[in-house]
Amino acid sequence: MEVKVKRRTGFMGAASKVVLLVDEKEETKLKNNEEYNVTSNKNSITLKAKQMFFGSNALEAKNGDNVELKINPICLLLYVVSFVLLFIAVFNDGREIKLLFLAGALILLIITSIFSVKSWFVLK
């Protein structure tokens, strides 16, 4: 059986490769827009991806499937919003408002980090 996997993550994380796991074992490391054909003797395989502490959902793939590896748009939005809040906090003069934006940014960064452990990438 053969499954085609293509990484399409854009600019986020483009500097480092994403590890492709097949049945919980490291198969290869993918650069952005790189394709890889997974071959196996099994009827189906389980695919996952990881990069540092970021991870993905598990996907069961069958013969002939085309799988895309993308960044979860919700995680990306949370990440960007947290840095916007942090930027606003740094350049704000009011002490109370600065602390409010800083607290919001830190809370959102923590939530994003926890959520991204198994959801930064999406396999579909």
PDB file of N, CA and C in Angstrom:
ATOM      1  N   MET A   1       0.834  -1.179   0.000  1.00  0.00           N
ATOM      2  CA  MET A   1       0.000   0.000   0.000  1.00  0.00           C
ATOM      3  C   MET A   1       0.876   1.239   0.000  1.00  0.00           C
ATOM      4  N   GLU A   2       0.348   2.315  -0.569  1.00  0.00           N
ATOM      5  CA  GLU A   2       1.101   3.559  -0.660  1.00  0.00           C
ATOM      6  C   GLU A   2       0.201   4.742  -0.330  1.00  0.00           C
ATOM      7  N   VAL A   3       0.725   5.668   0.489  1.00  0.00           N
ATOM      8  CA  VAL A   3       0.020   6.889   0.876  1.00  0.00           C
ATOM      9  C   VAL A   3       0.943   8.064   0.597  1.00  0.00           C
ATOM     10  N   LYS A   4       0.413   9.098  -0.063  1.00  0.00           N
ATOM     11  CA  LYS A   4       1.204  10.292  -0.372  1.00  0.00           C
ATOM     12  C   LYS A   4       0.921  11.364   0.682  1.00  0.00           C
ATOM     13  N   VAL A   5       1.992  11.907   1.277  1.00  0.00           N
ATOM     14  CA  VAL A   5       1.875  12.952   2.291  1.00  0.00           C
ATOM     15  C   VAL A   5       2.592  14.192   1.780  1.00  0.00           C
ATOM     16  N   LYS A   6       1.916  15.354   1.841  1.00  0.00           N
ATOM     17  CA  LYS A   6       2.530  16.613   1.420  1.00  0.00           C
ATOM     18  C   LYS A   6       2.422  17.629   2.545  1.00  0.00           C
ATOM     19  N   ARG A   7       3.550  18.258   2.866  1.00  0.00           N
ATOM     20  CA  ARG A   7       3.570  19.315   3.881  1.00  0.00           C
ATOM     21  C   ARG A   7       3.276  20.647   3.214  1.00  0.00           C
ATOM     22  N   ARG A   8       2.252  21.335   3.703  1.00  0.00           N
ATOM     23  CA  ARG A   8       1.878  22.661   3.202  1.00  0.00           C
ATOM     24  C   ARG A   8       1.619  23.573   4.397  1.00  0.00           C
ATOM     25  N   THR A   9       2.683  23.966   5.076  1.00  0.00           N
ATOM     26  CA  THR A   9       2.532  24.758   6.294  1.00  0.00           C
ATOM     27  C   THR A   9       2.827  26.238   6.113  1.00  0.00           C
ATOM     28  N   GLY A  10       3.273  26.656   4.958  1.00  0.00           N
ATOM     29  CA  GLY A  10       3.537  28.068   4.734  1.00  0.00           C
ATOM     30  C   GLY A  10       4.757  28.554   5.502  1.00  0.00           C
ATOM     31  N   PHE A  11       4.725  29.834   5.885  1.00  0.00           N
ATOM     32  CA  PHE A  11       5.889  30.449   6.515  1.00  0.00           C
ATOM     33  C   PHE A  11       6.098  30.023   7.970  1.00  0.00           C
ATOM     34  N   MET A  12       5.051  29.564   8.640  1.00  0.00           N
ATOM     35  CA  MET A  12       5.173  29.172  10.048  1.00  0.00           C
ATOM     36  C   MET A  12       5.940  27.855  10.164  1.00  0.00           C
ATOM     37  N   GLY A  13       7.055  27.896  10.819  1.00  0.00           N
ATOM     38  CA  GLY A  13       7.842  26.685  11.027  1.00  0.00           C
ATOM     39  C   GLY A  13       8.623  26.237   9.816  1.00  0.00           C
ATOM     40  N   ALA A  14       8.754  27.107   8.824  1.00  0.00           N
ATOM     41  CA  ALA A  14       9.434  26.725   7.583  1.00  0.00           C
ATOM     42  C   ALA A  14      10.936  26.519   7.783  1.00  0.00           C
ATOM     43  N   ALA A  15      11.493  27.087   8.834  1.00  0.00           N
ATOM     44  CA  ALA A  15      12.934  26.972   9.053  1.00  0.00           C
ATOM     45  C   ALA A  15      13.355  25.586   9.528  1.00  0.00           C
ATOM     46  N   SER A  16      12.433  24.843  10.109  1.00  0.00           N
ATOM     47  CA  SER A  16      12.788  23.499  10.577  1.00  0.00           C
ATOM     48  C   SER A  16      11.838  22.460   9.997  1.00  0.00           C
ATOM     49  N   LYS A  17      12.306  21.246   9.953  1.00  0.00           N
ATOM     50  CA  LYS A  17      11.539  20.162   9.339  1.00  0.00           C
ATOM     51  C   LYS A  17      10.505  19.606  10.316  1.00  0.00           C
ATOM     52  N   VAL A  18       9.462  19.003   9.755  1.00  0.00           N
ATOM     53  CA  VAL A  18       8.413  18.353  10.534  1.00  0.00           C
ATOM     54  C   VAL A  18       8.647  16.849  10.471  1.00  0.00           C
ATOM     55  N   VAL A  19       8.619  16.209  11.616  1.00  0.00           N
ATOM     56  CA  VAL A  19       8.816  14.760  11.689  1.00  0.00           C
ATOM     57  C   VAL A  19       7.489  14.074  11.385  1.00  0.00           C
ATOM     58  N   LEU A  20       7.507  13.151  10.434  1.00  0.00           N
ATOM     59  CA  LEU A  20       6.325  12.358  10.096  1.00  0.00           C
ATOM     60  C   LEU A  20       6.435  11.015  10.804  1.00  0.00           C
ATOM     61  N   LEU A  21       5.430  10.710  11.623  1.00  0.00           N
ATOM     62  CA  LEU A  21       5.391   9.447  12.355  1.00  0.00           C
ATOM     63  C   LEU A  21       4.397   8.508  11.693  1.00  0.00           C
ATOM     64  N   VAL A  22       4.835   7.299  11.419  1.00  0.00           N
ATOM     65  CA  VAL A  22       3.969   6.267  10.854  1.00  0.00           C
ATOM     66  C   VAL A  22       3.880   5.152  11.883  1.00  0.00           C
ATOM     67  N   ASP A  23       2.673   4.909  12.368  1.00  0.00           N
ATOM     68  CA  ASP A  23       2.447   3.914  13.423  1.00  0.00           C
ATOM     69  C   ASP A  23       3.378   4.151  14.614  1.00  0.00           C
ATOM     70  N   GLU A  24       3.463   5.428  15.039  1.00  0.00           N
ATOM     71  CA  GLU A  24       4.252   5.873  16.207  1.00  0.00           C
ATOM     72  C   GLU A  24       5.764   5.761  16.023  1.00  0.00           C
ATOM     73  N   LYS A  25       6.244   5.493  14.807  1.00  0.00           N
ATOM     74  CA  LYS A  25       7.681   5.418  14.543  1.00  0.00           C
ATOM     75  C   LYS A  25       8.061   6.508  13.549  1.00  0.00           C
ATOM     76  N   GLU A  26       9.218   7.144  13.780  1.00  0.00           N
ATOM     77  CA  GLU A  26       9.665   8.206  12.887  1.00  0.00           C
ATOM     78  C   GLU A  26       9.965   7.636  11.506  1.00  0.00           C
ATOM     79  N   GLU A  27       9.317   8.222  10.496  1.00  0.00           N
ATOM     80  CA  GLU A  27       9.491   7.758   9.116  1.00  0.00           C
ATOM     81  C   GLU A  27      10.448   8.672   8.355  1.00  0.00           C
ATOM     82  N   THR A  28      10.193   9.990   8.413  1.00  0.00           N
ATOM     83  CA  THR A  28      11.014  10.952   7.685  1.00  0.00           C
ATOM     84  C   THR A  28      10.815  12.338   8.275  1.00  0.00           C
ATOM     85  N   LYS A  29      11.596  13.298   7.774  1.00  0.00           N
ATOM     86  CA  LYS A  29      11.444  14.703   8.146  1.00  0.00           C
ATOM     87  C   LYS A  29      11.129  15.470   6.872  1.00  0.00           C
ATOM     88  N   LEU A  30      10.041  16.233   6.911  1.00  0.00           N
ATOM     89  CA  LEU A  30       9.566  16.936   5.717  1.00  0.00           C
ATOM     90  C   LEU A  30       9.873  18.427   5.774  1.00  0.00           C
ATOM     91  N   LYS A  31      10.389  18.963   4.664  1.00  0.00           N
ATOM     92  CA  LYS A  31      10.528  20.402   4.496  1.00  0.00           C
ATOM     93  C   LYS A  31       9.203  20.938   3.971  1.00  0.00           C
ATOM     94  N   ASN A  32       9.050  22.250   3.949  1.00  0.00           N
ATOM     95  CA  ASN A  32       7.813  22.841   3.447  1.00  0.00           C
ATOM     96  C   ASN A  32       7.614  22.504   1.970  1.00  0.00           C
ATOM     97  N   ASN A  33       6.399  22.157   1.606  1.00  0.00           N
ATOM     98  CA  ASN A  33       5.988  21.771   0.250  1.00  0.00           C
ATOM     99  C   ASN A  33       6.658  20.486  -0.248  1.00  0.00           C
ATOM    100  N   GLU A  34       7.221  19.722   0.641  1.00  0.00           N
ATOM    101  CA  GLU A  34       7.836  18.449   0.251  1.00  0.00           C
ATOM    102  C   GLU A  34       6.789  17.339   0.293  1.00  0.00           C
ATOM    103  N   GLU A  35       6.875  16.435  -0.679  1.00  0.00           N
ATOM    104  CA  GLU A  35       5.990  15.269  -0.722  1.00  0.00           C
ATOM    105  C   GLU A  35       6.788  14.027  -0.360  1.00  0.00           C
ATOM    106  N   TYR A  36       6.091  13.083   0.264  1.00  0.00           N
ATOM    107  CA  TYR A  36       6.723  11.824   0.641  1.00  0.00           C
ATOM    108  C   TYR A  36       5.710  10.704   0.458  1.00  0.00           C
ATOM    109  N   ASN A  37       6.141   9.611  -0.134  1.00  0.00           N
ATOM    110  CA  ASN A  37       5.282   8.443  -0.304  1.00  0.00           C
ATOM    111  C   ASN A  37       5.605   7.425   0.780  1.00  0.00           C
ATOM    112  N   VAL A  38       4.599   7.117   1.586  1.00  0.00           N
ATOM    113  CA  VAL A  38       4.738   6.120   2.642  1.00  0.00           C
ATOM    114  C   VAL A  38       4.297   4.781   2.075  1.00  0.00           C
ATOM    115  N   THR A  39       5.156   3.791   2.169  1.00  0.00           N
ATOM    116  CA  THR A  39       4.789   2.447   1.717  1.00  0.00           C
ATOM    117  C   THR A  39       4.734   1.518   2.924  1.00  0.00           C
ATOM    118  N   SER A  40       3.777   0.594   2.875  1.00  0.00           N
ATOM    119  CA  SER A  40       3.596  -0.337   3.983  1.00  0.00           C
ATOM    120  C   SER A  40       2.935  -1.611   3.487  1.00  0.00           C
ATOM    121  N   ASN A  41       3.117  -2.677   4.229  1.00  0.00           N
ATOM    122  CA  ASN A  41       2.462  -3.947   3.920  1.00  0.00           C
ATOM    123  C   ASN A  41       1.098  -4.058   4.585  1.00  0.00           C
ATOM    124  N   LYS A  42       0.763  -3.114   5.459  1.00  0.00           N
ATOM    125  CA  LYS A  42      -0.503  -3.144   6.190  1.00  0.00           C
ATOM    126  C   LYS A  42      -1.641  -2.594   5.330  1.00  0.00           C
ATOM    127  N   ASN A  43      -2.883  -2.873   5.737  1.00  0.00           N
ATOM    128  CA  ASN A  43      -4.057  -2.338   5.038  1.00  0.00           C
ATOM    129  C   ASN A  43      -4.278  -0.865   5.343  1.00  0.00           C
ATOM    130  N   SER A  44      -3.898  -0.424   6.543  1.00  0.00           N
ATOM    131  CA  SER A  44      -4.009   0.982   6.918  1.00  0.00           C
ATOM    132  C   SER A  44      -2.870   1.326   7.872  1.00  0.00           C
ATOM    133  N   ILE A  45      -2.536   2.613   7.901  1.00  0.00           N
ATOM    134  CA  ILE A  45      -1.476   3.097   8.784  1.00  0.00           C
ATOM    135  C   ILE A  45      -1.992   4.309   9.545  1.00  0.00           C
ATOM    136  N   THR A  46      -1.356   4.603  10.672  1.00  0.00           N
ATOM    137  CA  THR A  46      -1.690   5.787  11.460  1.00  0.00           C
ATOM    138  C   THR A  46      -0.575   6.809  11.282  1.00  0.00           C
ATOM    139  N   LEU A  47      -0.955   8.014  10.858  1.00  0.00           N
ATOM    140  CA  LEU A  47       0.006   9.084  10.631  1.00  0.00           C
ATOM    141  C   LEU A  47      -0.129  10.148  11.711  1.00  0.00           C
ATOM    142  N   LYS A  48       1.006  10.706  12.115  1.00  0.00           N
ATOM    143  CA  LYS A  48       1.068  11.854  13.018  1.00  0.00           C
ATOM    144  C   LYS A  48       2.240  12.716  12.579  1.00  0.00           C
ATOM    145  N   ALA A  49       2.239  13.966  13.026  1.00  0.00           N
ATOM    146  CA  ALA A  49       3.351  14.867  12.733  1.00  0.00           C
ATOM    147  C   ALA A  49       3.743  15.594  14.007  1.00  0.00           C
ATOM    148  N   LYS A  50       5.024  15.960  14.094  1.00  0.00           N
ATOM    149  CA  LYS A  50       5.471  16.750  15.235  1.00  0.00           C
ATOM    150  C   LYS A  50       6.671  17.602  14.831  1.00  0.00           C
ATOM    151  N   GLN A  51       6.787  18.727  15.543  1.00  0.00           N
ATOM    152  CA  GLN A  51       7.905  19.651  15.351  1.00  0.00           C
ATOM    153  C   GLN A  51       8.163  20.292  16.711  1.00  0.00           C
ATOM    154  N   MET A  52       9.297  20.015  17.297  1.00  0.00           N
ATOM    155  CA  MET A  52       9.598  20.411  18.672  1.00  0.00           C
ATOM    156  C   MET A  52       8.488  19.892  19.584  1.00  0.00           C
ATOM    157  N   PHE A  53       7.780  20.781  20.319  1.00  0.00           N
ATOM    158  CA  PHE A  53       6.702  20.291  21.175  1.00  0.00           C
ATOM    159  C   PHE A  53       5.333  20.414  20.515  1.00  0.00           C
ATOM    160  N   PHE A  54       5.276  20.897  19.284  1.00  0.00           N
ATOM    161  CA  PHE A  54       4.012  20.973  18.545  1.00  0.00           C
ATOM    162  C   PHE A  54       3.692  19.607  17.952  1.00  0.00           C
ATOM    163  N   GLY A  55       2.414  19.252  17.917  1.00  0.00           N
ATOM    164  CA  GLY A  55       2.029  17.952  17.386  1.00  0.00           C
ATOM    165  C   GLY A  55       0.798  18.033  16.510  1.00  0.00           C
ATOM    166  N   SER A  56       0.276  16.861  16.136  1.00  0.00           N
ATOM    167  CA  SER A  56      -0.903  16.805  15.274  1.00  0.00           C
ATOM    168  C   SER A  56      -1.869  15.744  15.764  1.00  0.00           C
ATOM    169  N   ASN A  57      -3.021  15.746  15.141  1.00  0.00           N
ATOM    170  CA  ASN A  57      -3.993  14.687  15.359  1.00  0.00           C
ATOM    171  C   ASN A  57      -3.490  13.404  14.698  1.00  0.00           C
ATOM    172  N   ALA A  58      -4.027  12.274  15.107  1.00  0.00           N
ATOM    173  CA  ALA A  58      -3.705  11.004  14.449  1.00  0.00           C
ATOM    174  C   ALA A  58      -4.691  10.798  13.308  1.00  0.00           C
ATOM    175  N   LEU A  59      -4.193  10.317  12.186  1.00  0.00           N
ATOM    176  CA  LEU A  59      -5.038  10.085  11.021  1.00  0.00           C
ATOM    177  C   LEU A  59      -4.787   8.678  10.503  1.00  0.00           C
ATOM    178  N   GLU A  60      -5.853   7.940  10.306  1.00  0.00           N
ATOM    179  CA  GLU A  60      -5.727   6.607   9.726  1.00  0.00           C
ATOM    180  C   GLU A  60      -5.825   6.744   8.211  1.00  0.00           C
ATOM    181  N   ALA A  61      -4.798   6.281   7.513  1.00  0.00           N
ATOM    182  CA  ALA A  61      -4.747   6.392   6.055  1.00  0.00           C
ATOM    183  C   ALA A  61      -4.767   5.007   5.424  1.00  0.00           C
ATOM    184  N   LYS A  62      -5.408   4.943   4.267  1.00  0.00           N
ATOM    185  CA  LYS A  62      -5.507   3.686   3.525  1.00  0.00           C
ATOM    186  C   LYS A  62      -4.798   3.830   2.185  1.00  0.00           C
ATOM    187  N   ASN A  63      -4.684   2.752   1.456  1.00  0.00           N
ATOM    188  CA  ASN A  63      -3.992   2.729   0.175  1.00  0.00           C
ATOM    189  C   ASN A  63      -4.551   3.787  -0.778  1.00  0.00           C
ATOM    190  N   GLY A  64      -3.653   4.564  -1.366  1.00  0.00           N
ATOM    191  CA  GLY A  64      -4.024   5.559  -2.358  1.00  0.00           C
ATOM    192  C   GLY A  64      -4.440   6.904  -1.792  1.00  0.00           C
ATOM    193  N   ASP A  65      -4.473   7.062  -0.475  1.00  0.00           N
ATOM    194  CA  ASP A  65      -4.865   8.343   0.122  1.00  0.00           C
ATOM    195  C   ASP A  65      -3.816   9.412  -0.146  1.00  0.00           C
ATOM    196  N   ASN A  66      -4.292  10.645  -0.346  1.00  0.00           N
ATOM    197  CA  ASN A  66      -3.432  11.818  -0.424  1.00  0.00           C
ATOM    198  C   ASN A  66      -3.672  12.628   0.843  1.00  0.00           C
ATOM    199  N   VAL A  67      -2.634  12.788   1.650  1.00  0.00           N
ATOM    200  CA  VAL A  67      -2.758  13.457   2.943  1.00  0.00           C
ATOM    201  C   VAL A  67      -1.991  14.769   2.902  1.00  0.00           C
ATOM    202  N   GLU A  68      -2.632  15.840   3.397  1.00  0.00           N
ATOM    203  CA  GLU A  68      -1.969  17.134   3.498  1.00  0.00           C
ATOM    204  C   GLU A  68      -1.702  17.444   4.961  1.00  0.00           C
ATOM    205  N   LEU A  69      -0.517  17.968   5.211  1.00  0.00           N
ATOM    206  CA  LEU A  69      -0.113  18.398   6.542  1.00  0.00           C
ATOM    207  C   LEU A  69      -0.130  19.919   6.545  1.00  0.00           C
ATOM    208  N   LYS A  70      -1.045  20.497   7.334  1.00  0.00           N
ATOM    209  CA  LYS A  70      -1.190  21.950   7.395  1.00  0.00           C
ATOM    210  C   LYS A  70      -1.147  22.412   8.838  1.00  0.00           C
ATOM    211  N   ILE A  71      -0.996  23.726   9.023  1.00  0.00           N
ATOM    212  CA  ILE A  71      -1.072  24.308  10.359  1.00  0.00           C
ATOM    213  C   ILE A  71      -2.537  24.565  10.680  1.00  0.00           C
ATOM    214  N   ASN A  72      -2.925  24.240  11.909  1.00  0.00           N
ATOM    215  CA  ASN A  72      -4.284  24.464  12.374  1.00  0.00           C
ATOM    216  C   ASN A  72      -4.547  25.973  12.409  1.00  0.00           C
ATOM    217  N   PRO A  73      -5.538  26.478  11.655  1.00  0.00           N
ATOM    218  CA  PRO A  73      -5.778  27.921  11.612  1.00  0.00           C
ATOM    219  C   PRO A  73      -6.202  28.508  12.958  1.00  0.00           C
ATOM    220  N   ILE A  74      -6.852  27.721  13.803  1.00  0.00           N
ATOM    221  CA  ILE A  74      -7.248  28.220  15.123  1.00  0.00           C
ATOM    222  C   ILE A  74      -6.012  28.460  15.988  1.00  0.00           C
ATOM    223  N   CYS A  75      -5.077  27.529  15.968  1.00  0.00           N
ATOM    224  CA  CYS A  75      -3.825  27.702  16.722  1.00  0.00           C
ATOM    225  C   CYS A  75      -3.049  28.909  16.221  1.00  0.00           C
ATOM    226  N   LEU A  76      -2.987  29.061  14.931  1.00  0.00           N
ATOM    227  CA  LEU A  76      -2.266  30.188  14.346  1.00  0.00           C
ATOM    228  C   LEU A  76      -2.906  31.512  14.743  1.00  0.00           C
ATOM    229  N   LEU A  77      -4.230  31.579  14.728  1.00  0.00           N
ATOM    230  CA  LEU A  77      -4.942  32.793  15.125  1.00  0.00           C
ATOM    231  C   LEU A  77      -4.678  33.121  16.595  1.00  0.00           C
ATOM    232  N   LEU A  78      -4.766  32.127  17.471  1.00  0.00           N
ATOM    233  CA  LEU A  78      -4.486  32.347  18.892  1.00  0.00           C
ATOM    234  C   LEU A  78      -3.057  32.848  19.102  1.00  0.00           C
ATOM    235  N   TYR A  79      -2.120  32.289  18.376  1.00  0.00           N
ATOM    236  CA  TYR A  79      -0.712  32.666  18.468  1.00  0.00           C
ATOM    237  C   TYR A  79      -0.502  34.122  18.045  1.00  0.00           C
ATOM    238  N   VAL A  80      -1.092  34.503  16.924  1.00  0.00           N
ATOM    239  CA  VAL A  80      -0.941  35.870  16.417  1.00  0.00           C
ATOM    240  C   VAL A  80      -1.603  36.868  17.357  1.00  0.00           C
ATOM    241  N   VAL A  81      -2.813  36.566  17.823  1.00  0.00           N
ATOM    242  CA  VAL A  81      -3.531  37.476  18.725  1.00  0.00           C
ATOM    243  C   VAL A  81      -2.753  37.665  20.027  1.00  0.00           C
ATOM    244  N   SER A  82      -2.152  36.612  20.549  1.00  0.00           N
ATOM    245  CA  SER A  82      -1.384  36.742  21.791  1.00  0.00           C
ATOM    246  C   SER A  82      -0.188  37.672  21.602  1.00  0.00           C
ATOM    247  N   PHE A  83       0.459  37.623  20.452  1.00  0.00           N
ATOM    248  CA  PHE A  83       1.582  38.522  20.215  1.00  0.00           C
ATOM    249  C   PHE A  83       1.130  39.953  19.935  1.00  0.00           C
ATOM    250  N   VAL A  84      -0.033  40.130  19.354  1.00  0.00           N
ATOM    251  CA  VAL A  84      -0.586  41.479  19.178  1.00  0.00           C
ATOM    252  C   VAL A  84      -0.870  42.091  20.549  1.00  0.00           C
ATOM    253  N   LEU A  85      -1.486  41.317  21.450  1.00  0.00           N
ATOM    254  CA  LEU A  85      -1.742  41.803  22.807  1.00  0.00           C
ATOM    255  C   LEU A  85      -0.442  42.138  23.530  1.00  0.00           C
ATOM    256  N   LEU A  86       0.565  41.317  23.356  1.00  0.00           N
ATOM    257  CA  LEU A  86       1.867  41.570  23.973  1.00  0.00           C
ATOM    258  C   LEU A  86       2.499  42.847  23.414  1.00  0.00           C
ATOM    259  N   PHE A  87       2.383  43.051  22.122  1.00  0.00           N
ATOM    260  CA  PHE A  87       2.910  44.250  21.468  1.00  0.00           C
ATOM    261  C   PHE A  87       2.195  45.497  21.989  1.00  0.00           C
ATOM    262  N   ILE A  88       0.873  45.420  22.124  1.00  0.00           N
ATOM    263  CA  ILE A  88       0.097  46.550  22.658  1.00  0.00           C
ATOM    264  C   ILE A  88       0.524  46.846  24.094  1.00  0.00           C
ATOM    265  N   ALA A  89       0.744  45.812  24.887  1.00  0.00           N
ATOM    266  CA  ALA A  89       1.154  46.004  26.281  1.00  0.00           C
ATOM    267  C   ALA A  89       2.509  46.696  26.380  1.00  0.00           C
ATOM    268  N   VAL A  90       3.424  46.330  25.524  1.00  0.00           N
ATOM    269  CA  VAL A  90       4.770  46.909  25.576  1.00  0.00           C
ATOM    270  C   VAL A  90       4.751  48.399  25.237  1.00  0.00           C
ATOM    271  N   PHE A  91       3.930  48.800  24.281  1.00  0.00           N
ATOM    272  CA  PHE A  91       3.939  50.188  23.828  1.00  0.00           C
ATOM    273  C   PHE A  91       2.813  51.032  24.412  1.00  0.00           C
ATOM    274  N   ASN A  92       2.196  50.594  25.492  1.00  0.00           N
ATOM    275  CA  ASN A  92       1.138  51.355  26.138  1.00  0.00           C
ATOM    276  C   ASN A  92       1.710  52.084  27.349  1.00  0.00           C
ATOM    277  N   ASP A  93       1.236  53.329  27.565  1.00  0.00           N
ATOM    278  CA  ASP A  93       1.754  54.139  28.668  1.00  0.00           C
ATOM    279  C   ASP A  93       1.016  53.917  29.981  1.00  0.00           C
ATOM    280  N   GLY A  94      -0.267  53.617  29.921  1.00  0.00           N
ATOM    281  CA  GLY A  94      -1.054  53.439  31.144  1.00  0.00           C
ATOM    282  C   GLY A  94      -0.704  52.145  31.861  1.00  0.00           C
ATOM    283  N   ARG A  95      -0.418  52.244  33.156  1.00  0.00           N
ATOM    284  CA  ARG A  95       0.040  51.072  33.911  1.00  0.00           C
ATOM    285  C   ARG A  95      -1.023  49.984  33.980  1.00  0.00           C
ATOM    286  N   GLU A  96      -2.269  50.368  34.282  1.00  0.00           N
ATOM    287  CA  GLU A  96      -3.340  49.378  34.414  1.00  0.00           C
ATOM    288  C   GLU A  96      -3.630  48.686  33.085  1.00  0.00           C
ATOM    289  N   ILE A  97      -3.666  49.488  32.021  1.00  0.00           N
ATOM    290  CA  ILE A  97      -3.953  48.920  30.698  1.00  0.00           C
ATOM    291  C   ILE A  97      -2.800  48.027  30.255  1.00  0.00           C
ATOM    292  N   LYS A  98      -1.579  48.450  30.542  1.00  0.00           N
ATOM    293  CA  LYS A  98      -0.401  47.644  30.192  1.00  0.00           C
ATOM    294  C   LYS A  98      -0.472  46.282  30.881  1.00  0.00           C
ATOM    295  N   LEU A  99      -0.796  46.271  32.175  1.00  0.00           N
ATOM    296  CA  LEU A  99      -0.895  45.011  32.914  1.00  0.00           C
ATOM    297  C   LEU A  99      -2.037  44.145  32.393  1.00  0.00           C
ATOM    298  N   LEU A 100      -3.141  44.767  32.028  1.00  0.00           N
ATOM    299  CA  LEU A 100      -4.289  44.026  31.501  1.00  0.00           C
ATOM    300  C   LEU A 100      -3.933  43.329  30.183  1.00  0.00           C
ATOM    301  N   PHE A 101      -3.322  44.064  29.261  1.00  0.00           N
ATOM    302  CA  PHE A 101      -2.928  43.472  27.978  1.00  0.00           C
ATOM    303  C   PHE A 101      -1.826  42.422  28.156  1.00  0.00           C
ATOM    304  N   LEU A 102      -0.903  42.684  29.068  1.00  0.00           N
ATOM    305  CA  LEU A 102       0.167  41.723  29.326  1.00  0.00           C
ATOM    306  C   LEU A 102      -0.391  40.423  29.907  1.00  0.00           C
ATOM    307  N   ALA A 103      -1.312  40.538  30.853  1.00  0.00           N
ATOM    308  CA  ALA A 103      -1.935  39.342  31.435  1.00  0.00           C
ATOM    309  C   ALA A 103      -2.715  38.572  30.375  1.00  0.00           C
ATOM    310  N   GLY A 104      -3.459  39.295  29.537  1.00  0.00           N
ATOM    311  CA  GLY A 104      -4.210  38.644  28.458  1.00  0.00           C
ATOM    312  C   GLY A 104      -3.293  37.920  27.488  1.00  0.00           C
ATOM    313  N   ALA A 105      -2.177  38.554  27.144  1.00  0.00           N
ATOM    314  CA  ALA A 105      -1.224  37.938  26.215  1.00  0.00           C
ATOM    315  C   ALA A 105      -0.603  36.682  26.815  1.00  0.00           C
ATOM    316  N   LEU A 106      -0.213  36.745  28.072  1.00  0.00           N
ATOM    317  CA  LEU A 106       0.416  35.584  28.707  1.00  0.00           C
ATOM    318  C   LEU A 106      -0.565  34.428  28.872  1.00  0.00           C
ATOM    319  N   ILE A 107      -1.791  34.733  29.262  1.00  0.00           N
ATOM    320  CA  ILE A 107      -2.810  33.683  29.390  1.00  0.00           C
ATOM    321  C   ILE A 107      -3.076  33.039  28.035  1.00  0.00           C
ATOM    322  N   LEU A 108      -3.201  33.856  27.001  1.00  0.00           N
ATOM    323  CA  LEU A 108      -3.456  33.325  25.660  1.00  0.00           C
ATOM    324  C   LEU A 108      -2.267  32.513  25.139  1.00  0.00           C
ATOM    325  N   LEU A 109      -1.045  32.928  25.445  1.00  0.00           N
ATOM    326  CA  LEU A 109       0.138  32.151  25.050  1.00  0.00           C
ATOM    327  C   LEU A 109       0.171  30.794  25.749  1.00  0.00           C
ATOM    328  N   ILE A 110      -0.205  30.763  27.015  1.00  0.00           N
ATOM    329  CA  ILE A 110      -0.247  29.488  27.746  1.00  0.00           C
ATOM    330  C   ILE A 110      -1.311  28.574  27.155  1.00  0.00           C
ATOM    331  N   ILE A 111      -2.494  29.122  26.889  1.00  0.00           N
ATOM    332  CA  ILE A 111      -3.578  28.333  26.285  1.00  0.00           C
ATOM    333  C   ILE A 111      -3.154  27.804  24.921  1.00  0.00           C
ATOM    334  N   THR A 112      -2.533  28.656  24.112  1.00  0.00           N
ATOM    335  CA  THR A 112      -2.080  28.249  22.783  1.00  0.00           C
ATOM    336  C   THR A 112      -1.029  27.147  22.877  1.00  0.00           C
ATOM    337  N   SER A 113      -0.108  27.269  23.811  1.00  0.00           N
ATOM    338  CA  SER A 113       0.935  26.248  23.974  1.00  0.00           C
ATOM    339  C   SER A 113       0.343  24.901  24.364  1.00  0.00           C
ATOM    340  N   ILE A 114      -0.601  24.913  25.288  1.00  0.00           N
ATOM    341  CA  ILE A 114      -1.236  23.657  25.714  1.00  0.00           C
ATOM    342  C   ILE A 114      -2.033  23.047  24.565  1.00  0.00           C
ATOM    343  N   PHE A 115      -2.791  23.872  23.865  1.00  0.00           N
ATOM    344  CA  PHE A 115      -3.624  23.410  22.755  1.00  0.00           C
ATOM    345  C   PHE A 115      -2.776  22.880  21.601  1.00  0.00           C
ATOM    346  N   SER A 116      -1.588  23.464  21.407  1.00  0.00           N
ATOM    347  CA  SER A 116      -0.748  23.126  20.257  1.00  0.00           C
ATOM    348  C   SER A 116       0.016  21.820  20.399  1.00  0.00           C
ATOM    349  N   VAL A 117       0.087  21.274  21.595  1.00  0.00           N
ATOM    350  CA  VAL A 117       0.834  20.032  21.802  1.00  0.00           C
ATOM    351  C   VAL A 117       0.295  18.917  20.914  1.00  0.00           C
ATOM    352  N   LYS A 118      -1.023  18.852  20.746  1.00  0.00           N
ATOM    353  CA  LYS A 118      -1.615  17.814  19.897  1.00  0.00           C
ATOM    354  C   LYS A 118      -2.444  18.379  18.751  1.00  0.00           C
ATOM    355  N   SER A 119      -2.413  19.709  18.571  1.00  0.00           N
ATOM    356  CA  SER A 119      -3.296  20.286  17.555  1.00  0.00           C
ATOM    357  C   SER A 119      -2.648  21.346  16.677  1.00  0.00           C
ATOM    358  N   TRP A 120      -1.344  21.564  16.753  1.00  0.00           N
ATOM    359  CA  TRP A 120      -0.713  22.603  15.929  1.00  0.00           C
ATOM    360  C   TRP A 120      -0.816  22.264  14.445  1.00  0.00           C
ATOM    361  N   PHE A 121      -0.616  21.004  14.122  1.00  0.00           N
ATOM    362  CA  PHE A 121      -0.731  20.544  12.739  1.00  0.00           C
ATOM    363  C   PHE A 121      -2.042  19.790  12.550  1.00  0.00           C
ATOM    364  N   VAL A 122      -2.550  19.835  11.331  1.00  0.00           N
ATOM    365  CA  VAL A 122      -3.756  19.089  10.968  1.00  0.00           C
ATOM    366  C   VAL A 122      -3.408  18.197   9.783  1.00  0.00           C
ATOM    367  N   LEU A 123      -3.709  16.928   9.916  1.00  0.00           N
ATOM    368  CA  LEU A 123      -3.548  15.975   8.815  1.00  0.00           C
ATOM    369  C   LEU A 123      -4.927  15.705   8.241  1.00  0.00           C
ATOM    370  N   LYS A 124      -5.076  15.934   6.930  1.00  0.00           N
ATOM    371  CA  LYS A 124      -6.365  15.614   6.294  1.00  0.00           C
ATOM    372  C   LYS A 124      -6.172  15.278   4.840  1.00  0.00           C
TER     373      LYS A 124
END
